[in-house]
Amino acid sequence: MSSYKKRAKSLKRTHRERGQIGSRQHLGLLEKHKDYVLRARNYQKKQAQLKILHEKARNRNPDEFYYKMINSKLKDGRHIIPQAEEQYSPEQLQLMKTQDLKYVQMKLTMETKVSELFI
């Protein structure tokens, strides 16, 4: 008897949703149930996130203060913290270059001394 039920179940036609009728073709694709469920879940997830953000905004401390609040600016809806670019004078640049050269020369002499020890 159970084999007959299984057989009857396998012969049933699967449910198929209708397509868009010709007179409404200009409205685009017809939204199927699975599309609706996907869209509804996405909407609910966004609403839950907004609810959390509203709750955080409601519970925030109005006396809270950070110095970055003064320095940051809004640009295209995003907070931008301006970075101060360091300006070096020509004398400072020359000093940095000579220090780099001296460092390289010092490392070179150290390596040569180490290599002389092992030879």
Protein backbone atom coordinates (compact mmCIF):
# COMPACT_ATOMS: atom_id res chain seq x y z
CA MET A 1 0.00 0.00 0.00
CA SER A 2 2.82 2.41 0.89
CA SER A 3 4.51 1.76 -2.44
CA TYR A 4 1.28 2.80 -4.21
CA LYS A 5 1.22 6.09 -2.22
CA LYS A 6 4.83 6.79 -3.15
CA ARG A 7 4.07 6.05 -6.78
CA ALA A 8 0.99 8.28 -6.76
CA LYS A 9 2.98 11.08 -5.13
CA SER A 10 5.69 10.88 -7.79
CA LEU A 11 3.13 11.06 -10.62
CA LYS A 12 1.50 14.24 -9.36
CA ARG A 13 2.15 17.32 -11.43
CA THR A 14 4.37 19.88 -9.81
CA HIS A 15 2.94 23.31 -9.11
CA ARG A 16 3.95 25.87 -11.72
CA GLU A 17 3.24 29.56 -11.44
CA ARG A 18 1.74 31.42 -14.35
CA GLY A 19 3.69 33.76 -16.55
CA GLN A 20 2.84 37.35 -17.43
CA ILE A 21 -0.12 37.57 -19.79
CA GLY A 22 0.39 39.29 -23.12
CA SER A 23 -1.71 42.37 -22.39
CA ARG A 24 0.44 43.16 -19.34
CA GLN A 25 3.78 42.38 -20.98
CA HIS A 26 4.69 46.08 -21.06
CA LEU A 27 4.81 46.07 -17.25
CA GLY A 28 7.81 43.73 -17.23
CA LEU A 29 8.38 40.41 -15.55
CA LEU A 30 5.70 39.06 -13.25
CA GLU A 31 6.97 38.73 -9.69
CA LYS A 32 6.76 35.13 -8.54
CA HIS A 33 6.30 34.03 -4.94
CA LYS A 34 9.97 33.15 -4.44
CA ASP A 35 10.92 36.62 -5.74
CA TYR A 36 8.49 38.23 -3.32
CA VAL A 37 9.83 36.20 -0.39
CA LEU A 38 13.40 37.23 -1.24
CA ARG A 39 12.42 40.89 -1.53
CA ALA A 40 10.36 40.77 1.69
CA ARG A 41 13.19 39.18 3.70
CA ASN A 42 15.65 41.75 2.39
CA TYR A 43 13.26 44.55 3.34
CA GLN A 44 12.72 43.10 6.83
CA LYS A 45 16.47 42.80 7.37
CA LYS A 46 16.95 46.46 6.40
CA GLN A 47 14.11 47.55 8.66
CA ALA A 48 15.61 45.62 11.59
CA GLN A 49 18.98 47.30 11.01
CA LEU A 50 17.29 50.72 10.87
CA LYS A 51 15.45 49.94 14.10
CA ILE A 52 18.76 49.12 15.82
CA LEU A 53 20.31 52.36 14.53
CA HIS A 54 17.30 54.41 15.69
CA GLU A 55 17.58 52.78 19.10
CA LYS A 56 21.29 53.63 19.33
CA ALA A 57 20.57 57.22 18.32
CA ARG A 58 17.84 57.47 20.95
CA ASN A 59 20.10 56.08 23.69
CA ARG A 60 23.20 58.11 22.88
CA ASN A 61 24.70 60.46 25.44
CA PRO A 62 24.18 64.10 24.34
CA ASP A 63 27.20 65.19 26.42
CA GLU A 64 29.52 62.78 24.64
CA PHE A 65 32.37 64.61 22.95
CA TYR A 66 35.49 63.63 21.01
CA TYR A 67 37.95 65.99 19.39
CA LYS A 68 37.61 64.15 16.09
CA MET A 69 34.07 65.53 15.98
CA ILE A 70 35.55 68.98 15.44
CA ASN A 71 38.11 67.97 12.82
CA SER A 72 35.98 65.66 10.67
CA LYS A 73 33.97 66.95 7.72
CA LEU A 74 31.18 65.40 5.69
CA LYS A 75 31.92 64.77 2.03
CA ASP A 76 29.32 62.90 -0.03
CA GLY A 77 27.71 61.68 3.19
CA ARG A 78 30.93 60.20 4.59
CA HIS A 79 33.07 61.47 7.43
CA ILE A 80 36.48 62.61 6.21
CA ILE A 81 39.28 63.44 8.64
CA PRO A 82 41.69 65.85 6.95
CA GLN A 83 45.28 64.66 7.03
CA ALA A 84 47.88 67.38 7.46
CA GLU A 85 50.62 66.88 4.89
CA GLU A 86 54.08 67.56 6.24
CA GLN A 87 56.00 70.24 4.37
CA TYR A 88 59.79 69.91 4.54
CA SER A 89 62.21 72.72 3.84
CA PRO A 90 65.07 72.06 1.37
CA GLU A 91 67.53 71.96 4.28
CA GLN A 92 65.49 69.28 6.04
CA LEU A 93 65.29 67.22 2.85
CA GLN A 94 69.05 67.44 2.36
CA LEU A 95 69.64 66.37 5.97
CA MET A 96 67.33 63.36 5.57
CA LYS A 97 69.13 62.28 2.38
CA THR A 98 72.56 62.48 4.04
CA GLN A 99 71.29 60.53 7.05
CA ASP A 100 69.99 57.83 4.70
CA LEU A 101 73.38 57.65 2.96
CA LYS A 102 75.21 57.42 6.28
CA TYR A 103 72.91 54.61 7.41
CA VAL A 104 73.53 52.63 4.24
CA GLN A 105 77.30 53.15 4.55
CA MET A 106 77.23 52.03 8.18
CA LYS A 107 75.33 48.84 7.28
CA LEU A 108 77.76 48.17 4.44
CA THR A 109 80.78 48.43 6.75
CA MET A 110 79.11 46.16 9.30
CA GLU A 111 78.45 43.52 6.64
CA THR A 112 81.98 43.70 5.29
CA LYS A 113 83.43 43.27 8.81
CA VAL A 114 81.19 40.25 9.44
CA SER A 115 82.18 38.71 6.11
CA GLU A 116 85.91 39.32 6.88
CA LEU A 117 85.52 37.43 10.16
CA PHE A 118 84.22 34.32 8.42
CA ILE A 119 86.84 34.35 5.64
